[in-house]
Amino acid sequence: MTLRSRIIGIGSFLPAHISTNDDMAKIVDTSDEWIVERTGIRVRHFADENMSSSVMAVKAAEQALNSAGLTGDDLDLIVLGTVTPDKTFPATAAYVQAGLGMKHGCAFDVVAACSGFLYALKTADNMLRLGQAKTALVVGVETLSKITDFKDRNTCVLFGDGAGCVILKAEEAAGTSADRGVLDTLIYSDGSYAPELCSTGGPSTNHDVGYITMNGREVFRHAAVNMAEVSAEILQKNGVSLDEVDWLVPHQANIRILEATAKRLGIPMEKVISTVDLHANTSAASIPLALAEGVKNGKIKEGQLLLLPGMGAGFTWGASLIRL
């Protein structure tokens, strides 16, 4: 027997304010046709001035706890992925911990940009497998609108705000790919590509939050390759064939990246959960938001095998194999 981290609750939250492509065309030189053709994005959600990342994370977590029949006091671990923290310190996870009424255990952030949820998932899963925690909240949350330069037409149309999360519970299992729960997660990084996608600011550089800056061509070139390669690797490592995968739930950066990743893997788009048209790129929140949407609309069901690849600034990338 072995310990597995089984998903027992899923939650999501999107701010009420929706910005359409036509809205974006009023502030930069762009159009709905141009954005949809190149990215697949149609709308994105923006948080208002008083809505921080922790506020959204708490709302998503409350939904997940409710679906699991738990309260915040039942948690003993929170791992939160974000590049848009409430403050430089303390960790945004600490505010979430307080908001959920959890007064024991531990809560901390991980910073891996669009791979943040996968890094957080890997961390929590390891701690549960080692018996260091029993029930964990894993969150991906971003308020990217607050670090977006709305004068830069190449980036401002790409990003949105939101939060998604899962609750993991350590349970005994047989230790095979038929188990329910997180079967495996692989994560990687290559810091030599850091300048290709980063913030222009930072406390120890220029004392400024900064804006998102990106070499789109370079990011696209690496994203499709890295996401496909790590997906193939995790399948091979766990003795699982592509035919056994029910759904590909990738990071939602750009419909072209999703299509290129699926093509490289040899998986039809009919088996890809795509929410980029509804949410835009929400970085660390995109995979759990896509997962929550897939469950909500009835596509993703209990017992199905899910493959979750992602890539983000760092460069960071990875993939998780989960049986729901």
C-alpha atoms as a PDB file:
ATOM      1  CA  MET A   1       0.000   0.000   0.000  1.00  0.00           C
ATOM      2  CA  THR A   2       1.016   3.591  -0.561  1.00  0.00           C
ATOM      3  CA  LEU A   3      -0.317   7.042   0.260  1.00  0.00           C
ATOM      4  CA  ARG A   4      -1.974   9.014  -2.530  1.00  0.00           C
ATOM      5  CA  SER A   5      -3.200  12.612  -2.500  1.00  0.00           C
ATOM      6  CA  ARG A   6      -6.802  12.345  -3.660  1.00  0.00           C
ATOM      7  CA  ILE A   7      -8.743  15.386  -4.842  1.00  0.00           C
ATOM      8  CA  ILE A   8     -11.838  15.667  -2.665  1.00  0.00           C
ATOM      9  CA  GLY A   9     -12.846  19.248  -3.473  1.00  0.00           C
ATOM     10  CA  ILE A  10     -12.490  21.715  -6.345  1.00  0.00           C
ATOM     11  CA  GLY A  11     -13.202  25.436  -6.294  1.00  0.00           C
ATOM     12  CA  SER A  12     -12.917  28.480  -8.543  1.00  0.00           C
ATOM     13  CA  PHE A  13     -13.611  32.183  -8.548  1.00  0.00           C
ATOM     14  CA  LEU A  14     -13.687  34.823 -11.283  1.00  0.00           C
ATOM     15  CA  PRO A  15     -14.198  38.563 -10.683  1.00  0.00           C
ATOM     16  CA  ALA A  16     -17.521  39.947 -11.885  1.00  0.00           C
ATOM     17  CA  HIS A  17     -16.025  42.547 -14.228  1.00  0.00           C
ATOM     18  CA  ILE A  18     -15.626  41.186 -17.764  1.00  0.00           C
ATOM     19  CA  SER A  19     -13.552  42.932 -20.435  1.00  0.00           C
ATOM     20  CA  THR A  20     -14.325  41.956 -24.016  1.00  0.00           C
ATOM     21  CA  ASN A  21     -11.980  42.250 -26.973  1.00  0.00           C
ATOM     22  CA  ASP A  22     -14.016  45.234 -28.145  1.00  0.00           C
ATOM     23  CA  ASP A  23     -13.359  46.852 -24.767  1.00  0.00           C
ATOM     24  CA  MET A  24      -9.627  46.273 -25.256  1.00  0.00           C
ATOM     25  CA  ALA A  25      -9.832  47.827 -28.726  1.00  0.00           C
ATOM     26  CA  LYS A  26     -10.919  51.084 -27.101  1.00  0.00           C
ATOM     27  CA  ILE A  27      -7.628  51.448 -25.230  1.00  0.00           C
ATOM     28  CA  VAL A  28      -5.031  49.948 -27.621  1.00  0.00           C
ATOM     29  CA  ASP A  29      -4.732  49.459 -31.370  1.00  0.00           C
ATOM     30  CA  THR A  30      -6.309  46.015 -31.711  1.00  0.00           C
ATOM     31  CA  SER A  31      -9.552  44.302 -32.696  1.00  0.00           C
ATOM     32  CA  ASP A  32     -11.687  41.340 -31.725  1.00  0.00           C
ATOM     33  CA  GLU A  33     -10.758  39.599 -34.979  1.00  0.00           C
ATOM     34  CA  TRP A  34      -7.011  40.092 -34.420  1.00  0.00           C
ATOM     35  CA  ILE A  35      -7.116  38.831 -30.817  1.00  0.00           C
ATOM     36  CA  VAL A  36      -9.303  35.792 -31.529  1.00  0.00           C
ATOM     37  CA  GLU A  37      -7.272  34.750 -34.559  1.00  0.00           C
ATOM     38  CA  ARG A  38      -3.927  34.889 -32.757  1.00  0.00           C
ATOM     39  CA  THR A  39      -4.890  33.827 -29.227  1.00  0.00           C
ATOM     40  CA  GLY A  40      -8.402  32.410 -29.117  1.00  0.00           C
ATOM     41  CA  ILE A  41      -9.222  34.829 -26.281  1.00  0.00           C
ATOM     42  CA  ARG A  42     -12.646  36.502 -26.342  1.00  0.00           C
ATOM     43  CA  VAL A  43     -13.075  37.850 -22.801  1.00  0.00           C
ATOM     44  CA  ARG A  44     -11.105  38.168 -19.579  1.00  0.00           C
ATOM     45  CA  HIS A  45     -12.092  38.934 -15.966  1.00  0.00           C
ATOM     46  CA  PHE A  46     -10.542  41.834 -14.058  1.00  0.00           C
ATOM     47  CA  ALA A  47     -10.507  42.331 -10.305  1.00  0.00           C
ATOM     48  CA  ASP A  48     -11.473  45.749  -8.975  1.00  0.00           C
ATOM     49  CA  GLU A  49      -9.158  47.908  -6.852  1.00  0.00           C
ATOM     50  CA  ASN A  50     -10.323  46.384  -3.571  1.00  0.00           C
ATOM     51  CA  MET A  51     -10.044  42.748  -4.660  1.00  0.00           C
ATOM     52  CA  SER A  52      -6.646  41.233  -3.889  1.00  0.00           C
ATOM     53  CA  SER A  53      -5.355  37.785  -4.757  1.00  0.00           C
ATOM     54  CA  SER A  54      -6.085  36.475  -1.263  1.00  0.00           C
ATOM     55  CA  VAL A  55      -9.713  37.618  -1.460  1.00  0.00           C
ATOM     56  CA  MET A  56     -10.221  35.608  -4.642  1.00  0.00           C
ATOM     57  CA  ALA A  57      -8.313  32.625  -3.256  1.00  0.00           C
ATOM     58  CA  VAL A  58     -10.512  32.540  -0.136  1.00  0.00           C
ATOM     59  CA  LYS A  59     -13.669  32.580  -2.263  1.00  0.00           C
ATOM     60  CA  ALA A  60     -12.406  29.696  -4.408  1.00  0.00           C
ATOM     61  CA  ALA A  61     -11.277  27.801  -1.300  1.00  0.00           C
ATOM     62  CA  GLU A  62     -14.657  28.219   0.398  1.00  0.00           C
ATOM     63  CA  GLN A  63     -16.297  26.664  -2.649  1.00  0.00           C
ATOM     64  CA  ALA A  64     -13.850  23.746  -2.595  1.00  0.00           C
ATOM     65  CA  LEU A  65     -14.304  23.210   1.144  1.00  0.00           C
ATOM     66  CA  ASN A  66     -18.062  23.233   0.744  1.00  0.00           C
ATOM     67  CA  SER A  67     -17.889  20.624  -2.027  1.00  0.00           C
ATOM     68  CA  ALA A  68     -15.679  18.456   0.210  1.00  0.00           C
ATOM     69  CA  GLY A  69     -17.891  18.913   3.269  1.00  0.00           C
ATOM     70  CA  LEU A  70     -15.026  20.485   5.226  1.00  0.00           C
ATOM     71  CA  THR A  71     -14.185  23.736   6.997  1.00  0.00           C
ATOM     72  CA  GLY A  72     -10.945  25.677   7.078  1.00  0.00           C
ATOM     73  CA  ASP A  73     -10.144  24.118  10.424  1.00  0.00           C
ATOM     74  CA  ASP A  74      -9.930  20.699   8.726  1.00  0.00           C
ATOM     75  CA  LEU A  75      -6.926  21.844   6.680  1.00  0.00           C
ATOM     76  CA  ASP A  76      -3.370  21.502   7.937  1.00  0.00           C
ATOM     77  CA  LEU A  77      -1.516  22.754   4.848  1.00  0.00           C
ATOM     78  CA  ILE A  78      -1.958  25.531   2.273  1.00  0.00           C
ATOM     79  CA  VAL A  79       0.374  25.863  -0.711  1.00  0.00           C
ATOM     80  CA  LEU A  80      -0.423  28.791  -2.982  1.00  0.00           C
ATOM     81  CA  GLY A  81       1.027  29.605  -6.399  1.00  0.00           C
ATOM     82  CA  THR A  82       1.036  33.234  -7.524  1.00  0.00           C
ATOM     83  CA  VAL A  83       3.171  36.010  -9.034  1.00  0.00           C
ATOM     84  CA  THR A  84       0.739  38.670  -7.841  1.00  0.00           C
ATOM     85  CA  PRO A  85       0.856  38.460  -4.027  1.00  0.00           C
ATOM     86  CA  ASP A  86      -1.154  40.776  -1.806  1.00  0.00           C
ATOM     87  CA  LYS A  87       2.104  42.186  -0.428  1.00  0.00           C
ATOM     88  CA  THR A  88       5.828  41.559  -0.748  1.00  0.00           C
ATOM     89  CA  PHE A  89       5.447  39.748   2.559  1.00  0.00           C
ATOM     90  CA  PRO A  90       3.902  37.901   4.306  1.00  0.00           C
ATOM     91  CA  ALA A  91       2.866  35.107   1.976  1.00  0.00           C
ATOM     92  CA  THR A  92      -0.546  35.463   0.386  1.00  0.00           C
ATOM     93  CA  ALA A  93      -1.241  31.975   1.732  1.00  0.00           C
ATOM     94  CA  ALA A  94      -1.081  33.443   5.248  1.00  0.00           C
ATOM     95  CA  TYR A  95      -3.974  35.777   4.443  1.00  0.00           C
ATOM     96  CA  VAL A  96      -5.896  32.852   2.981  1.00  0.00           C
ATOM     97  CA  GLN A  97      -5.200  30.828   6.124  1.00  0.00           C
ATOM     98  CA  ALA A  98      -6.606  33.633   8.270  1.00  0.00           C
ATOM     99  CA  GLY A  99      -9.582  34.098   5.962  1.00  0.00           C
ATOM    100  CA  LEU A 100     -10.510  30.432   6.279  1.00  0.00           C
ATOM    101  CA  GLY A 101     -10.143  30.366  10.064  1.00  0.00           C
ATOM    102  CA  MET A 102      -7.271  27.870   9.982  1.00  0.00           C
ATOM    103  CA  LYS A 103      -5.050  28.409  13.026  1.00  0.00           C
ATOM    104  CA  HIS A 104      -2.739  25.398  12.860  1.00  0.00           C
ATOM    105  CA  GLY A 105      -0.518  23.710  10.290  1.00  0.00           C
ATOM    106  CA  CYS A 106       1.346  25.870   7.794  1.00  0.00           C
ATOM    107  CA  ALA A 107       0.698  28.078   4.766  1.00  0.00           C
ATOM    108  CA  PHE A 108       3.183  29.364   2.202  1.00  0.00           C
ATOM    109  CA  ASP A 109       3.563  30.577  -1.389  1.00  0.00           C
ATOM    110  CA  VAL A 110       5.492  29.230  -4.343  1.00  0.00           C
ATOM    111  CA  VAL A 111       6.521  31.418  -7.294  1.00  0.00           C
ATOM    112  CA  ALA A 112       6.665  29.620 -10.627  1.00  0.00           C
ATOM    113  CA  ALA A 113       4.414  31.864 -12.754  1.00  0.00           C
ATOM    114  CA  CYS A 114       2.133  29.859 -15.067  1.00  0.00           C
ATOM    115  CA  SER A 115       3.546  26.610 -13.644  1.00  0.00           C
ATOM    116  CA  GLY A 116       2.734  27.784 -10.123  1.00  0.00           C
ATOM    117  CA  PHE A 117      -0.190  25.437  -9.589  1.00  0.00           C
ATOM    118  CA  LEU A 118       1.887  22.439 -10.672  1.00  0.00           C
ATOM    119  CA  TYR A 119       4.738  23.438  -8.356  1.00  0.00           C
ATOM    120  CA  ALA A 120       2.271  23.921  -5.491  1.00  0.00           C
ATOM    121  CA  LEU A 121       0.623  20.584  -6.266  1.00  0.00           C
ATOM    122  CA  LYS A 122       3.971  18.771  -6.312  1.00  0.00           C
ATOM    123  CA  THR A 123       4.944  20.329  -2.976  1.00  0.00           C
ATOM    124  CA  ALA A 124       1.660  19.498  -1.246  1.00  0.00           C
ATOM    125  CA  ASP A 125       1.545  15.992  -2.707  1.00  0.00           C
ATOM    126  CA  ASN A 126       5.051  15.240  -1.431  1.00  0.00           C
ATOM    127  CA  MET A 127       4.180  16.456   2.054  1.00  0.00           C
ATOM    128  CA  LEU A 128       1.029  14.336   2.148  1.00  0.00           C
ATOM    129  CA  ARG A 129       2.857  11.243   0.910  1.00  0.00           C
ATOM    130  CA  LEU A 130       5.465  11.714   3.640  1.00  0.00           C
ATOM    131  CA  GLY A 131       2.812  12.026   6.312  1.00  0.00           C
ATOM    132  CA  GLN A 132       3.702  15.658   7.052  1.00  0.00           C
ATOM    133  CA  ALA A 133       0.096  16.723   6.444  1.00  0.00           C
ATOM    134  CA  LYS A 134      -3.236  14.982   5.964  1.00  0.00           C
ATOM    135  CA  THR A 135      -5.436  17.530   4.200  1.00  0.00           C
ATOM    136  CA  ALA A 136      -4.101  20.287   1.954  1.00  0.00           C
ATOM    137  CA  LEU A 137      -5.443  23.233   0.004  1.00  0.00           C
ATOM    138  CA  VAL A 138      -3.564  23.858  -3.251  1.00  0.00           C
ATOM    139  CA  VAL A 139      -4.318  27.219  -4.863  1.00  0.00           C
ATOM    140  CA  GLY A 140      -3.425  29.027  -8.060  1.00  0.00           C
ATOM    141  CA  VAL A 141      -4.455  32.690  -8.021  1.00  0.00           C
ATOM    142  CA  GLU A 142      -3.559  35.824  -9.977  1.00  0.00           C
ATOM    143  CA  THR A 143      -4.543  39.470 -10.301  1.00  0.00           C
ATOM    144  CA  LEU A 144      -2.479  39.977 -13.442  1.00  0.00           C
ATOM    145  CA  SER A 145      -4.474  43.054 -14.431  1.00  0.00           C
ATOM    146  CA  LYS A 146      -2.577  44.896 -11.681  1.00  0.00           C
ATOM    147  CA  ILE A 147       0.823  44.252 -13.308  1.00  0.00           C
ATOM    148  CA  THR A 148      -0.318  44.601 -16.923  1.00  0.00           C
ATOM    149  CA  ASP A 149       0.778  47.564 -19.042  1.00  0.00           C
ATOM    150  CA  PHE A 150      -2.417  48.575 -20.814  1.00  0.00           C
ATOM    151  CA  LYS A 151      -0.418  50.590 -23.321  1.00  0.00           C
ATOM    152  CA  ASP A 152       1.340  47.452 -24.579  1.00  0.00           C
ATOM    153  CA  ARG A 153      -0.946  45.897 -27.195  1.00  0.00           C
ATOM    154  CA  ASN A 154       1.197  42.762 -27.395  1.00  0.00           C
ATOM    155  CA  THR A 155       0.585  41.760 -23.768  1.00  0.00           C
ATOM    156  CA  CYS A 156      -2.431  43.578 -22.341  1.00  0.00           C
ATOM    157  CA  VAL A 157      -4.978  41.531 -24.306  1.00  0.00           C
ATOM    158  CA  LEU A 158      -3.549  38.223 -23.071  1.00  0.00           C
ATOM    159  CA  PHE A 159      -4.092  38.239 -19.318  1.00  0.00           C
ATOM    160  CA  GLY A 160      -6.928  37.969 -16.837  1.00  0.00           C
ATOM    161  CA  ASP A 161      -7.611  37.463 -13.131  1.00  0.00           C
ATOM    162  CA  GLY A 162      -9.011  34.502 -11.229  1.00  0.00           C
ATOM    163  CA  ALA A 163      -8.461  31.765  -8.683  1.00  0.00           C
ATOM    164  CA  GLY A 164      -8.742  27.989  -8.755  1.00  0.00           C
ATOM    165  CA  CYS A 165      -7.966  25.358  -6.153  1.00  0.00           C
ATOM    166  CA  VAL A 166      -8.191  21.743  -5.102  1.00  0.00           C
ATOM    167  CA  ILE A 167      -8.334  20.057  -1.712  1.00  0.00           C
ATOM    168  CA  LEU A 168      -6.116  17.016  -1.326  1.00  0.00           C
ATOM    169  CA  LYS A 169      -6.552  14.295   1.265  1.00  0.00           C
ATOM    170  CA  ALA A 170      -3.976  11.589   1.990  1.00  0.00           C
ATOM    171  CA  GLU A 171      -5.481   8.140   1.492  1.00  0.00           C
ATOM    172  CA  GLU A 172      -4.067   4.638   1.224  1.00  0.00           C
ATOM    173  CA  ALA A 173      -4.048   3.129  -2.258  1.00  0.00           C
ATOM    174  CA  ALA A 174      -2.588   0.195  -4.150  1.00  0.00           C
ATOM    175  CA  GLY A 175       0.219   2.215  -5.729  1.00  0.00           C
ATOM    176  CA  THR A 176      -0.811   1.622  -9.351  1.00  0.00           C
ATOM    177  CA  SER A 177      -2.038   3.890 -12.156  1.00  0.00           C
ATOM    178  CA  ALA A 178      -5.567   2.712 -11.352  1.00  0.00           C
ATOM    179  CA  ASP A 179      -5.436   4.611  -8.038  1.00  0.00           C
ATOM    180  CA  ARG A 180      -7.487   7.756  -7.601  1.00  0.00           C
ATOM    181  CA  GLY A 181      -5.429  10.834  -6.784  1.00  0.00           C
ATOM    182  CA  VAL A 182      -2.191  12.468  -7.877  1.00  0.00           C
ATOM    183  CA  LEU A 183      -0.223   9.692  -9.564  1.00  0.00           C
ATOM    184  CA  ASP A 184       2.838  11.813 -10.316  1.00  0.00           C
ATOM    185  CA  THR A 185       4.013  15.363 -11.004  1.00  0.00           C
ATOM    186  CA  LEU A 186       7.184  16.400 -12.821  1.00  0.00           C
ATOM    187  CA  ILE A 187       8.546  19.952 -12.609  1.00  0.00           C
ATOM    188  CA  TYR A 188      11.505  21.622 -14.337  1.00  0.00           C
ATOM    189  CA  SER A 189      13.078  25.037 -14.835  1.00  0.00           C
ATOM    190  CA  ASP A 190      15.758  26.771 -16.891  1.00  0.00           C
ATOM    191  CA  GLY A 191      16.660  30.205 -15.517  1.00  0.00           C
ATOM    192  CA  SER A 192      18.681  31.181 -18.581  1.00  0.00           C
ATOM    193  CA  TYR A 193      15.362  32.109 -20.220  1.00  0.00           C
ATOM    194  CA  ALA A 194      14.219  34.384 -17.367  1.00  0.00           C
ATOM    195  CA  PRO A 195      14.538  37.613 -19.431  1.00  0.00           C
ATOM    196  CA  GLU A 196      12.106  36.293 -22.057  1.00  0.00           C
ATOM    197  CA  LEU A 197       9.101  36.542 -19.729  1.00  0.00           C
ATOM    198  CA  CYS A 198       9.338  38.568 -16.540  1.00  0.00           C
ATOM    199  CA  SER A 199       8.278  41.603 -14.564  1.00  0.00           C
ATOM    200  CA  THR A 200      10.091  44.882 -15.147  1.00  0.00           C
ATOM    201  CA  GLY A 201      10.203  45.529 -11.380  1.00  0.00           C
ATOM    202  CA  GLY A 202      11.140  44.044  -8.040  1.00  0.00           C
ATOM    203  CA  PRO A 203      11.866  45.100  -4.432  1.00  0.00           C
ATOM    204  CA  SER A 204      15.624  44.432  -4.617  1.00  0.00           C
ATOM    205  CA  THR A 205      16.105  45.900  -8.106  1.00  0.00           C
ATOM    206  CA  ASN A 206      14.099  49.090  -8.549  1.00  0.00           C
ATOM    207  CA  HIS A 207      11.641  49.061  -5.614  1.00  0.00           C
ATOM    208  CA  ASP A 208       8.766  48.828  -8.103  1.00  0.00           C
ATOM    209  CA  VAL A 209       6.120  46.187  -8.818  1.00  0.00           C
ATOM    210  CA  GLY A 210       6.723  46.520 -12.554  1.00  0.00           C
ATOM    211  CA  TYR A 211       4.771  45.295 -15.567  1.00  0.00           C
ATOM    212  CA  ILE A 212       4.698  42.051 -17.517  1.00  0.00           C
ATOM    213  CA  THR A 213       7.149  41.979 -20.412  1.00  0.00           C
ATOM    214  CA  MET A 214       7.377  39.082 -22.847  1.00  0.00           C
ATOM    215  CA  ASN A 215       9.188  37.847 -25.933  1.00  0.00           C
ATOM    216  CA  GLY A 216       6.119  36.175 -27.381  1.00  0.00           C
ATOM    217  CA  ARG A 217       7.874  34.334 -30.183  1.00  0.00           C
ATOM    218  CA  GLU A 218      10.417  32.731 -27.842  1.00  0.00           C
ATOM    219  CA  VAL A 219       7.789  31.801 -25.255  1.00  0.00           C
ATOM    220  CA  PHE A 220       5.578  30.195 -27.895  1.00  0.00           C
ATOM    221  CA  ARG A 221       8.476  28.206 -29.329  1.00  0.00           C
ATOM    222  CA  HIS A 222       9.384  26.681 -25.977  1.00  0.00           C
ATOM    223  CA  ALA A 223       5.864  26.282 -24.574  1.00  0.00           C
ATOM    224  CA  ALA A 224       4.531  23.795 -27.098  1.00  0.00           C
ATOM    225  CA  VAL A 225       7.740  21.736 -27.093  1.00  0.00           C
ATOM    226  CA  ASN A 226       8.237  21.652 -23.317  1.00  0.00           C
ATOM    227  CA  MET A 227       4.603  20.911 -22.497  1.00  0.00           C
ATOM    228  CA  ALA A 228       4.457  18.060 -24.996  1.00  0.00           C
ATOM    229  CA  GLU A 229       7.807  16.583 -23.948  1.00  0.00           C
ATOM    230  CA  VAL A 230       7.088  16.609 -20.210  1.00  0.00           C
ATOM    231  CA  SER A 231       3.649  15.123 -20.898  1.00  0.00           C
ATOM    232  CA  ALA A 232       5.175  12.258 -22.867  1.00  0.00           C
ATOM    233  CA  GLU A 233       7.779  11.782 -20.130  1.00  0.00           C
ATOM    234  CA  ILE A 234       5.299  11.496 -17.283  1.00  0.00           C
ATOM    235  CA  LEU A 235       3.174   9.015 -19.237  1.00  0.00           C
ATOM    236  CA  GLN A 236       6.172   6.837 -20.000  1.00  0.00           C
ATOM    237  CA  LYS A 237       7.473   7.031 -16.428  1.00  0.00           C
ATOM    238  CA  ASN A 238       4.149   5.811 -15.058  1.00  0.00           C
ATOM    239  CA  GLY A 239       3.518   3.160 -17.703  1.00  0.00           C
ATOM    240  CA  VAL A 240       0.423   4.914 -19.035  1.00  0.00           C
ATOM    241  CA  SER A 241      -0.463   5.151 -22.718  1.00  0.00           C
ATOM    242  CA  LEU A 242      -1.863   8.272 -24.319  1.00  0.00           C
ATOM    243  CA  ASP A 243      -5.048   6.360 -25.147  1.00  0.00           C
ATOM    244  CA  GLU A 244      -5.702   5.931 -21.422  1.00  0.00           C
ATOM    245  CA  VAL A 245      -5.798   9.710 -20.871  1.00  0.00           C
ATOM    246  CA  ASP A 246      -9.367  10.985 -20.805  1.00  0.00           C
ATOM    247  CA  TRP A 247      -8.596  14.711 -20.799  1.00  0.00           C
ATOM    248  CA  LEU A 248      -5.659  17.013 -21.411  1.00  0.00           C
ATOM    249  CA  VAL A 249      -6.076  19.989 -19.046  1.00  0.00           C
ATOM    250  CA  PRO A 250      -3.227  22.330 -20.016  1.00  0.00           C
ATOM    251  CA  HIS A 251      -2.178  25.798 -18.959  1.00  0.00           C
ATOM    252  CA  GLN A 252      -4.460  28.188 -20.839  1.00  0.00           C
ATOM    253  CA  ALA A 253      -2.054  30.650 -22.441  1.00  0.00           C
ATOM    254  CA  ASN A 254      -3.045  30.740 -26.072  1.00  0.00           C
ATOM    255  CA  ILE A 255      -5.234  28.509 -28.260  1.00  0.00           C
ATOM    256  CA  ARG A 256      -2.356  28.104 -30.692  1.00  0.00           C
ATOM    257  CA  ILE A 257      -0.127  26.726 -27.937  1.00  0.00           C
ATOM    258  CA  LEU A 258      -2.888  24.339 -26.889  1.00  0.00           C
ATOM    259  CA  GLU A 259      -3.294  23.151 -30.481  1.00  0.00           C
ATOM    260  CA  ALA A 260       0.457  22.779 -31.007  1.00  0.00           C
ATOM    261  CA  THR A 261       0.842  20.821 -27.757  1.00  0.00           C
ATOM    262  CA  ALA A 262      -2.032  18.501 -28.630  1.00  0.00           C
ATOM    263  CA  LYS A 263      -0.641  17.955 -32.124  1.00  0.00           C
ATOM    264  CA  ARG A 264       2.831  17.106 -30.826  1.00  0.00           C
ATOM    265  CA  LEU A 265       1.342  14.639 -28.362  1.00  0.00           C
ATOM    266  CA  GLY A 266      -1.021  13.166 -30.911  1.00  0.00           C
ATOM    267  CA  ILE A 267      -4.149  13.887 -28.907  1.00  0.00           C
ATOM    268  CA  PRO A 268      -7.287  15.294 -30.608  1.00  0.00           C
ATOM    269  CA  MET A 269      -8.542  18.726 -29.570  1.00  0.00           C
ATOM    270  CA  GLU A 270     -11.824  17.032 -28.643  1.00  0.00           C
ATOM    271  CA  LYS A 271      -9.977  15.662 -25.598  1.00  0.00           C
ATOM    272  CA  VAL A 272      -8.499  19.037 -24.593  1.00  0.00           C
ATOM    273  CA  ILE A 273     -10.187  21.197 -21.946  1.00  0.00           C
ATOM    274  CA  SER A 274      -9.936  24.746 -23.310  1.00  0.00           C
ATOM    275  CA  THR A 275     -11.089  27.826 -21.377  1.00  0.00           C
ATOM    276  CA  VAL A 276      -8.721  30.400 -22.851  1.00  0.00           C
ATOM    277  CA  ASP A 277     -11.630  32.027 -24.702  1.00  0.00           C
ATOM    278  CA  LEU A 278     -13.463  32.597 -21.415  1.00  0.00           C
ATOM    279  CA  HIS A 279     -10.642  33.415 -18.994  1.00  0.00           C
ATOM    280  CA  ALA A 280      -7.588  34.473 -21.075  1.00  0.00           C
ATOM    281  CA  ASN A 281      -4.205  33.643 -19.497  1.00  0.00           C
ATOM    282  CA  THR A 282      -4.600  33.590 -15.716  1.00  0.00           C
ATOM    283  CA  SER A 283      -1.096  32.195 -15.081  1.00  0.00           C
ATOM    284  CA  ALA A 284      -1.028  29.998 -11.950  1.00  0.00           C
ATOM    285  CA  ALA A 285      -4.831  29.992 -11.820  1.00  0.00           C
ATOM    286  CA  SER A 286      -5.387  28.710 -15.352  1.00  0.00           C
ATOM    287  CA  ILE A 287      -5.028  24.945 -14.818  1.00  0.00           C
ATOM    288  CA  PRO A 288      -7.274  24.726 -11.728  1.00  0.00           C
ATOM    289  CA  LEU A 289      -9.785  27.080 -13.385  1.00  0.00           C
ATOM    290  CA  ALA A 290      -9.869  24.808 -16.449  1.00  0.00           C
ATOM    291  CA  LEU A 291     -10.207  21.768 -14.204  1.00  0.00           C
ATOM    292  CA  ALA A 292     -13.094  23.354 -12.305  1.00  0.00           C
ATOM    293  CA  GLU A 293     -14.817  24.356 -15.557  1.00  0.00           C
ATOM    294  CA  GLY A 294     -14.435  20.837 -16.965  1.00  0.00           C
ATOM    295  CA  VAL A 295     -16.036  19.344 -13.865  1.00  0.00           C
ATOM    296  CA  LYS A 296     -18.772  21.974 -13.781  1.00  0.00           C
ATOM    297  CA  ASN A 297     -19.841  21.401 -17.392  1.00  0.00           C
ATOM    298  CA  GLY A 298     -19.867  17.633 -16.943  1.00  0.00           C
ATOM    299  CA  LYS A 299     -16.976  16.769 -19.232  1.00  0.00           C
ATOM    300  CA  ILE A 300     -14.589  15.672 -16.477  1.00  0.00           C
ATOM    301  CA  LYS A 301     -15.941  12.873 -14.289  1.00  0.00           C
ATOM    302  CA  GLU A 302     -14.755  10.880 -11.288  1.00  0.00           C
ATOM    303  CA  GLY A 303     -12.395   8.057 -12.158  1.00  0.00           C
ATOM    304  CA  GLN A 304     -11.112   9.701 -15.326  1.00  0.00           C
ATOM    305  CA  LEU A 305      -7.396  10.109 -15.999  1.00  0.00           C
ATOM    306  CA  LEU A 306      -6.218  13.698 -16.458  1.00  0.00           C
ATOM    307  CA  LEU A 307      -2.944  15.049 -17.829  1.00  0.00           C
ATOM    308  CA  LEU A 308      -2.116  18.605 -16.717  1.00  0.00           C
ATOM    309  CA  PRO A 309       0.883  20.247 -18.451  1.00  0.00           C
ATOM    310  CA  GLY A 310       2.012  23.844 -18.098  1.00  0.00           C
ATOM    311  CA  MET A 311       4.848  26.267 -18.789  1.00  0.00           C
ATOM    312  CA  GLY A 312       5.618  29.729 -17.515  1.00  0.00           C
ATOM    313  CA  ALA A 313       8.198  32.372 -16.707  1.00  0.00           C
ATOM    314  CA  GLY A 314      11.496  31.161 -15.398  1.00  0.00           C
ATOM    315  CA  PHE A 315      11.245  29.266 -17.701  1.00  0.00           C
ATOM    316  CA  THR A 316       9.372  26.759 -15.551  1.00  0.00           C
ATOM    317  CA  TRP A 317       7.363  23.819 -16.819  1.00  0.00           C
ATOM    318  CA  GLY A 318       5.888  20.541 -15.705  1.00  0.00           C
ATOM    319  CA  ALA A 319       2.997  18.113 -15.838  1.00  0.00           C
ATOM    320  CA  SER A 320       0.791  16.218 -13.422  1.00  0.00           C
ATOM    321  CA  LEU A 321      -0.996  12.924 -13.938  1.00  0.00           C
ATOM    322  CA  ILE A 322      -4.161  12.657 -11.862  1.00  0.00           C
ATOM    323  CA  ARG A 323      -7.015  10.191 -11.634  1.00  0.00           C
ATOM    324  CA  LEU A 324      -9.965  12.178 -10.316  1.00  0.00           C
END
